[in-house]
Protein backbone atom coordinates (compact mmCIF):
# COMPACT_ATOMS: atom_id res chain seq x y z
CA MET A 1 22.84 17.89 -3.82
CA THR A 2 25.04 14.67 -2.29
CA LEU A 3 24.53 11.28 -4.01
CA PRO A 4 23.76 8.47 -1.83
CA ASN A 5 26.65 6.26 -1.01
CA PRO A 6 26.30 3.36 -3.73
CA GLN A 7 27.35 0.92 -0.58
CA GLY A 8 23.87 2.03 1.12
CA GLY A 9 20.78 -0.31 1.54
CA SER A 10 18.54 0.97 -0.56
CA LEU A 11 17.64 0.66 -4.07
CA LEU A 12 18.13 4.41 -4.53
CA ALA A 13 21.65 4.24 -3.74
CA ARG A 14 22.05 1.26 -5.91
CA TYR A 15 20.44 3.26 -8.96
CA LEU A 16 20.72 6.91 -8.66
CA THR A 17 24.31 6.84 -10.41
CA PRO A 18 26.24 10.14 -11.08
CA GLU A 19 25.44 9.34 -14.62
CA VAL A 20 21.45 8.82 -13.99
CA TRP A 21 21.51 12.10 -11.84
CA GLU A 22 23.01 14.19 -14.75
CA GLN A 23 20.48 12.62 -17.45
CA LEU A 24 17.60 13.64 -15.02
CA LYS A 25 18.40 16.71 -13.05
CA ASP A 26 16.77 18.99 -14.90
CA ARG A 27 13.82 17.21 -16.02
CA GLU A 28 10.38 18.08 -14.83
CA THR A 29 7.08 16.87 -15.23
CA ARG A 30 3.78 18.71 -16.09
CA TYR A 31 2.77 19.47 -12.52
CA GLY A 32 6.56 20.99 -11.46
CA VAL A 33 7.91 17.25 -9.97
CA ARG A 34 11.66 17.45 -10.60
CA LEU A 35 14.12 14.46 -9.34
CA GLU A 36 14.84 16.14 -6.32
CA HIS A 37 11.47 15.59 -5.07
CA VAL A 38 11.40 12.21 -6.22
CA VAL A 39 14.96 11.61 -4.10
CA ALA A 40 14.10 13.64 -1.29
CA SER A 41 12.88 11.05 1.32
CA GLY A 42 15.61 8.27 0.40
CA LEU A 43 18.49 11.17 0.85
CA LYS A 44 17.27 12.53 3.75
CA ASN A 45 16.69 8.54 5.18
CA PRO A 46 19.66 6.52 3.92
CA ASP A 47 17.84 3.67 5.79
CA SER A 48 15.00 3.49 3.49
CA ALA A 49 14.26 0.33 1.97
CA VAL A 50 13.50 2.22 -1.47
CA GLY A 51 13.93 5.48 -1.00
CA VAL A 52 11.94 7.21 -3.89
CA TYR A 53 8.44 8.65 -4.32
CA ALA A 54 6.62 9.43 -7.90
CA GLY A 55 5.24 12.99 -7.96
CA ASP A 56 2.26 11.90 -10.57
CA GLU A 57 2.05 9.54 -13.10
CA GLU A 58 3.93 11.29 -15.81
CA SER A 59 7.27 10.22 -12.90
CA TYR A 60 7.49 6.99 -13.92
CA THR A 61 8.06 7.33 -17.72
CA LEU A 62 10.26 10.94 -17.07
CA PHE A 63 12.54 9.58 -14.46
CA ALA A 64 12.46 5.89 -15.92
CA PRO A 65 15.90 5.80 -15.77
CA LEU A 66 16.16 5.70 -12.12
CA PHE A 67 12.36 4.00 -11.95
CA ASP A 68 13.04 1.22 -14.26
CA PRO A 69 15.54 -0.42 -12.47
CA ILE A 70 13.88 -0.03 -9.02
CA ILE A 71 10.74 -1.33 -10.20
CA ALA A 72 12.49 -4.33 -11.81
CA ASP A 73 15.33 -5.09 -8.98
CA TYR A 74 11.91 -5.07 -6.17
CA HIS A 75 9.54 -6.78 -8.21
CA GLY A 76 11.42 -8.87 -10.87
CA PHE A 77 9.43 -7.09 -13.30
CA GLY A 78 11.81 -5.66 -16.70
CA PRO A 79 10.88 -2.75 -18.71
CA GLU A 80 9.25 -5.22 -21.44
CA ALA A 81 6.84 -6.47 -19.05
CA ARG A 82 2.78 -5.54 -18.80
CA HIS A 83 0.64 -6.34 -15.87
CA GLU A 84 -2.30 -7.99 -16.19
CA SER A 85 -5.16 -7.48 -13.46
CA ASP A 86 -7.94 -9.85 -12.78
CA LEU A 87 -10.58 -8.56 -10.24
CA GLU A 88 -12.79 -11.21 -10.40
CA PRO A 89 -14.34 -12.69 -7.32
CA ALA A 90 -15.17 -16.31 -9.06
CA HIS A 91 -11.67 -16.90 -10.26
CA LEU A 92 -10.07 -16.85 -6.41
CA ASN A 93 -9.84 -20.40 -4.92
CA ALA A 94 -8.61 -19.79 -1.51
CA PRO A 95 -9.96 -21.69 1.18
CA ASN A 96 -9.80 -20.45 4.87
CA PRO A 97 -6.47 -21.07 6.44
CA ASP A 98 -7.83 -21.21 9.89
CA PRO A 99 -11.29 -21.90 10.24
CA GLU A 100 -11.17 -23.01 13.80
CA GLY A 101 -9.87 -19.46 14.68
CA ARG A 102 -7.16 -20.28 16.39
CA TYR A 103 -4.35 -18.69 14.86
CA VAL A 104 -5.33 -15.58 11.99
CA VAL A 105 -7.27 -12.49 14.17
CA SER A 106 -8.15 -10.52 11.04
CA THR A 107 -7.65 -10.37 7.26
CA ARG A 108 -7.43 -6.92 5.67
CA ILE A 109 -6.98 -6.34 1.53
CA ARG A 110 -6.29 -2.70 0.67
CA VAL A 111 -5.84 -1.18 -2.99
CA ALA A 112 -4.35 1.50 -3.34
CA ARG A 113 -5.86 4.14 -6.21
CA ASN A 114 -5.16 7.83 -6.76
CA LEU A 115 -6.96 9.74 -9.12
CA CYS A 116 -6.13 10.17 -12.77
CA CYS A 117 -5.08 13.84 -13.73
CA PHE A 118 -4.50 15.23 -10.35
CA PRO A 119 -0.57 14.91 -9.31
CA PHE A 120 0.33 12.35 -5.92
CA GLY A 121 -0.03 13.34 -2.65
CA SER A 122 3.82 14.35 -2.28
CA ALA A 123 3.44 17.14 -5.04
CA LEU A 124 -0.48 18.48 -4.24
CA THR A 125 -1.11 21.50 -3.63
CA ARG A 126 -3.48 22.14 -0.75
CA ARG A 127 -6.45 23.54 -3.10
CA GLU A 128 -5.58 20.23 -5.36
CA ARG A 129 -5.34 17.79 -2.09
CA ARG A 130 -9.67 19.46 -1.00
CA ILE A 131 -10.92 18.93 -4.57
CA VAL A 132 -9.63 15.54 -4.29
CA GLU A 133 -11.17 14.92 -1.13
CA ALA A 134 -15.06 16.30 -2.10
CA THR A 135 -14.41 14.40 -5.67
CA VAL A 136 -13.71 11.28 -3.34
CA VAL A 137 -16.41 11.91 -1.04
CA ARG A 138 -19.14 12.42 -3.09
CA ALA A 139 -18.28 8.90 -4.71
CA LEU A 140 -18.32 7.51 -1.53
CA GLU A 141 -21.35 8.77 -0.35
CA ASP A 142 -23.39 7.26 -3.11
CA LEU A 143 -22.47 3.60 -2.12
CA SER A 144 -25.25 1.49 -1.04
CA GLY A 145 -26.14 -1.64 1.24
CA GLU A 146 -22.74 -3.43 3.13
CA LEU A 147 -20.94 -0.12 1.37
CA ALA A 148 -22.53 2.48 2.90
CA GLY A 149 -20.93 4.39 5.47
CA SER A 150 -20.09 7.63 6.45
CA TYR A 151 -17.05 10.17 6.16
CA HIS A 152 -14.99 11.41 9.20
CA PRO A 153 -12.46 14.68 8.29
CA LEU A 154 -9.10 14.09 10.38
CA TYR A 155 -9.25 17.65 11.24
CA ALA A 156 -12.81 17.36 12.81
CA MET A 157 -12.23 13.96 14.95
CA ASP A 158 -11.12 14.33 18.66
CA ARG A 159 -8.07 12.80 19.93
CA ALA A 160 -9.30 10.05 21.82
CA THR A 161 -11.37 9.08 18.83
CA ARG A 162 -8.54 8.88 16.29
CA GLU A 163 -6.09 7.55 19.05
CA ARG A 164 -8.70 4.80 18.98
CA LEU A 165 -9.20 4.10 15.72
CA ILE A 166 -5.25 4.38 15.51
CA GLN A 167 -5.12 1.56 17.84
CA SER A 168 -8.07 -0.72 16.30
CA HIS A 169 -5.64 -0.60 13.20
CA PHE A 170 -8.49 1.23 11.38
CA LEU A 171 -6.94 4.93 10.57
CA PHE A 172 -3.44 6.45 9.54
CA LYS A 173 -1.14 8.19 11.26
CA GLU A 174 0.70 11.45 10.76
CA GLY A 175 4.70 10.92 11.86
CA ASP A 176 6.14 8.55 9.54
CA ARG A 177 9.91 9.84 8.82
CA PHE A 178 9.57 8.71 5.13
CA LEU A 179 6.22 10.42 4.23
CA LYS A 180 7.41 12.94 5.87
CA ALA A 181 10.63 13.29 3.80
CA ALA A 182 8.90 12.97 0.44
CA GLY A 183 6.21 15.51 1.63
CA LEU A 184 3.51 13.37 2.03
CA ASN A 185 2.62 15.10 5.46
CA ARG A 186 1.98 18.43 4.13
CA ASP A 187 -0.97 20.74 5.93
CA TRP A 188 -1.81 17.64 8.09
CA PRO A 189 -4.34 16.94 8.76
CA ASP A 190 -6.07 19.15 6.40
CA ALA A 191 -8.73 17.39 3.54
CA ARG A 192 -7.56 14.18 4.99
CA GLY A 193 -9.78 11.33 6.68
CA ILE A 194 -11.77 8.28 6.88
CA PHE A 195 -14.98 6.40 5.61
CA HIS A 196 -16.09 3.40 6.96
CA ASN A 197 -19.43 1.25 7.29
CA PRO A 198 -21.35 0.87 11.01
CA ASP A 199 -19.56 -2.72 10.55
CA LYS A 200 -15.74 -1.01 9.74
CA THR A 201 -15.16 -4.08 7.45
CA PHE A 202 -15.08 -1.33 4.26
CA LEU A 203 -12.90 1.75 4.93
CA VAL A 204 -11.48 4.22 2.83
CA TRP A 205 -8.43 6.28 4.17
CA VAL A 206 -8.47 9.64 1.86
CA ASN A 207 -5.01 11.64 1.56
CA GLU A 208 -2.79 9.35 3.18
CA GLU A 209 0.15 7.43 0.99
CA ASP A 210 -2.28 7.95 -1.94
CA GLN A 211 -5.21 9.49 -2.70
CA LEU A 212 -7.20 6.71 -1.69
CA ARG A 213 -6.54 3.34 0.59
CA ILE A 214 -9.69 1.50 -0.15
CA ILE A 215 -9.79 -1.70 2.66
CA SER A 216 -11.85 -4.32 2.97
CA MET A 217 -11.63 -6.46 6.60
CA GLU A 218 -12.89 -8.51 8.96
CA PRO A 219 -12.07 -10.59 12.13
CA GLY A 220 -10.96 -13.93 11.01
CA ALA A 221 -9.68 -15.90 7.94
CA ASN A 222 -12.48 -15.81 5.30
CA LEU A 223 -10.28 -14.17 2.18
CA GLN A 224 -12.93 -15.29 -0.45
CA ARG A 225 -15.34 -13.01 1.40
CA VAL A 226 -13.25 -10.01 2.27
CA PHE A 227 -11.74 -10.13 -1.88
CA ALA A 228 -15.38 -10.51 -2.74
CA ARG A 229 -16.60 -7.22 -0.82
CA LEU A 230 -13.55 -5.46 -1.65
CA THR A 231 -14.30 -6.05 -5.48
CA ARG A 232 -17.74 -4.72 -5.09
CA ALA A 233 -16.79 -1.57 -3.56
CA LEU A 234 -13.97 -0.97 -6.34
CA ALA A 235 -16.34 -1.83 -9.43
CA GLU A 236 -18.90 0.66 -8.09
CA LEU A 237 -15.70 3.53 -7.73
CA GLU A 238 -14.78 2.89 -10.84
CA ARG A 239 -18.36 4.03 -12.09
CA ARG A 240 -17.82 7.09 -10.61
CA LEU A 241 -13.83 7.92 -10.39
CA THR A 242 -11.22 7.59 -12.97
CA PHE A 243 -7.81 5.93 -11.21
CA ALA A 244 -4.50 6.87 -12.79
CA PHE A 245 -3.41 3.22 -14.62
CA SER A 246 -0.49 2.16 -16.75
CA GLU A 247 -1.21 -0.57 -19.40
CA ARG A 248 2.19 -1.22 -18.63
CA LEU A 249 2.92 -0.79 -14.77
CA GLY A 250 -1.02 -1.26 -13.85
CA TYR A 251 -2.58 1.30 -11.00
CA LEU A 252 0.10 3.82 -10.20
CA THR A 253 1.06 5.04 -6.77
CA SER A 254 2.90 7.10 -4.94
CA CYS A 255 5.84 4.25 -3.94
CA PRO A 256 7.12 1.94 -7.15
CA THR A 257 6.38 -0.93 -4.19
CA ASN A 258 2.63 -0.34 -4.52
CA LEU A 259 2.23 -0.72 -8.63
CA GLY A 260 0.30 -3.05 -10.48
CA THR A 261 -2.14 -4.45 -8.27
CA ALA A 262 -1.87 -1.84 -6.31
CA MET A 263 -2.56 -4.60 -3.70
CA ARG A 264 -1.80 -5.33 -0.28
CA ALA A 265 -3.56 -8.79 1.08
CA SER A 266 -2.68 -9.68 5.13
CA VAL A 267 -3.42 -11.45 7.53
CA HIS A 268 -2.87 -10.25 11.57
CA VAL A 269 -1.77 -13.86 12.61
CA ARG A 270 -0.70 -15.21 16.07
CA LEU A 271 2.74 -17.36 15.97
CA PRO A 272 3.92 -17.40 19.41
CA GLY A 273 5.88 -20.78 18.71
CA LEU A 274 7.38 -19.28 15.75
CA ALA A 275 8.08 -16.21 17.21
CA ALA A 276 11.17 -17.23 19.14
CA ASP A 277 13.09 -17.64 15.65
CA GLU A 278 11.56 -14.11 13.61
CA ALA A 279 14.65 -15.06 10.96
CA ARG A 280 12.90 -18.74 10.36
CA LEU A 281 9.50 -17.12 10.37
CA LYS A 282 10.67 -14.39 7.97
CA ALA A 283 12.47 -17.16 5.80
CA LEU A 284 8.92 -19.74 5.71
CA ALA A 285 6.63 -16.62 4.59
CA ALA A 286 9.60 -15.47 1.82
CA LYS A 287 9.33 -19.25 0.46
CA HIS A 288 5.67 -18.31 -0.30
CA GLY A 289 6.16 -14.41 -1.53
CA LEU A 290 5.10 -13.19 1.90
CA GLN A 291 6.31 -10.34 3.61
CA VAL A 292 6.24 -10.32 7.41
CA ARG A 293 5.91 -6.81 9.73
CA GLY A 294 5.27 -5.81 13.50
CA THR A 295 1.58 -5.93 14.25
CA HIS A 296 1.30 -2.54 13.59
CA GLY A 297 2.47 -2.81 9.93
CA GLU A 298 5.78 -1.51 8.64
CA HIS A 299 8.65 -0.23 10.77
CA SER A 300 6.69 -1.56 13.79
CA GLN A 301 7.85 -4.49 16.23
CA SER A 302 5.05 -7.68 17.12
CA GLU A 303 3.04 -7.29 19.85
CA GLY A 304 2.18 -10.82 21.59
CA ALA A 305 3.67 -12.99 18.78
CA VAL A 306 0.94 -11.25 16.46
CA TYR A 307 2.39 -10.53 12.79
CA ASP A 308 1.41 -8.78 10.22
CA VAL A 309 1.31 -11.25 7.20
CA SER A 310 1.32 -9.85 3.41
CA ASN A 311 1.90 -10.57 -0.25
CA LYS A 312 5.42 -8.71 -0.76
CA GLN A 313 4.96 -8.65 -4.97
CA ARG A 314 2.24 -6.63 -6.45
CA LEU A 315 3.31 -6.30 -9.80
CA GLY A 316 3.09 -8.75 -12.89
CA ILE A 317 1.27 -10.88 -10.36
CA THR A 318 -2.93 -10.87 -10.41
CA GLU A 319 -5.31 -9.33 -7.77
CA VAL A 320 -6.32 -13.27 -7.06
CA GLU A 321 -2.97 -14.63 -7.61
CA ALA A 322 -2.20 -12.25 -4.79
CA VAL A 323 -4.54 -13.30 -2.60
CA ARG A 324 -4.15 -17.17 -3.37
CA ARG A 325 -0.52 -16.98 -2.69
CA LEU A 326 -1.65 -15.52 0.47
CA ALA A 327 -3.85 -18.36 1.64
CA GLU A 328 -1.64 -21.34 1.07
CA GLY A 329 1.22 -19.43 2.88
CA VAL A 330 -0.91 -18.39 6.17
CA ALA A 331 -1.62 -22.43 6.03
CA ALA A 332 1.95 -23.30 5.64
CA LEU A 333 2.99 -21.02 8.56
CA ILE A 334 0.31 -22.01 10.69
CA ALA A 335 1.15 -25.93 9.90
CA ALA A 336 4.80 -24.94 10.80
CA GLU A 337 3.78 -23.24 14.29
CA GLN A 338 1.95 -26.33 14.94
CA ARG A 339 4.79 -28.38 14.83
CA THR A 340 7.15 -25.82 17.53
């Protein structure tokens, strides 16, 4: 196998040295995950920012000489650090950064989860993926009140419905070359789908990049309410499901950028003035620990000066702190927009 150019831009290229390759090349997890599976996406896509995907829980320990420096570089989280979680809404102080509704289009807070004792998506067999789907759907169907809804498998969804949900930012789609190279699009669309309540303020993606993407969202910028809804759902689901979790790394996910809280708290915010200088916009966001993406998320462009702004750090920070920082950062961006 040809190793990536050490001068490449990915974290894989930086840390997969010949010495690390020799140390890890013959290791295999209980689910058959080998080093070549972990690095496949980054080798095929040299423009990856990170370039590695874990195939299961054990990947993070068996291939630690590769994962640990990547995690430390991305999160500033060393091998001796321990992650702490806080999903208590009463601890959150995040005032609405746009009470008049002039800038923030919508708020979305999602977390990634994988079931304990199953391989992650890149290593799941078709049979295992179907078992995961059935297990998750049974748990979702037990939810009540505001969280109650219905499950819609992708294979049974007509093209028009699927495209409408994708354009409305409710549904994931196939085609991401980074996920494809990692093996995460295998058997598409088998055993994949979306659960949502009638108002589409609570959604769960099943068997996308991770086995569950649990999402609370609504128009406007009421971060407190969106966070509270999400934590209620997580409490209910954790009574029925056991998620992959590490005392050191928190919730375990396919991509090491999502470890820890596995949370992405984000807003779609319209910033036409700052859009004239995206470098300045991203620099302002970075001061508050936020990252800026296009309207449709990673690897997309802004449409109508609407940006997806979210917390960059997931690991070594609590869920409450991530949402608080988002509220403060968005308020600062809006203040800067008003001065343009």
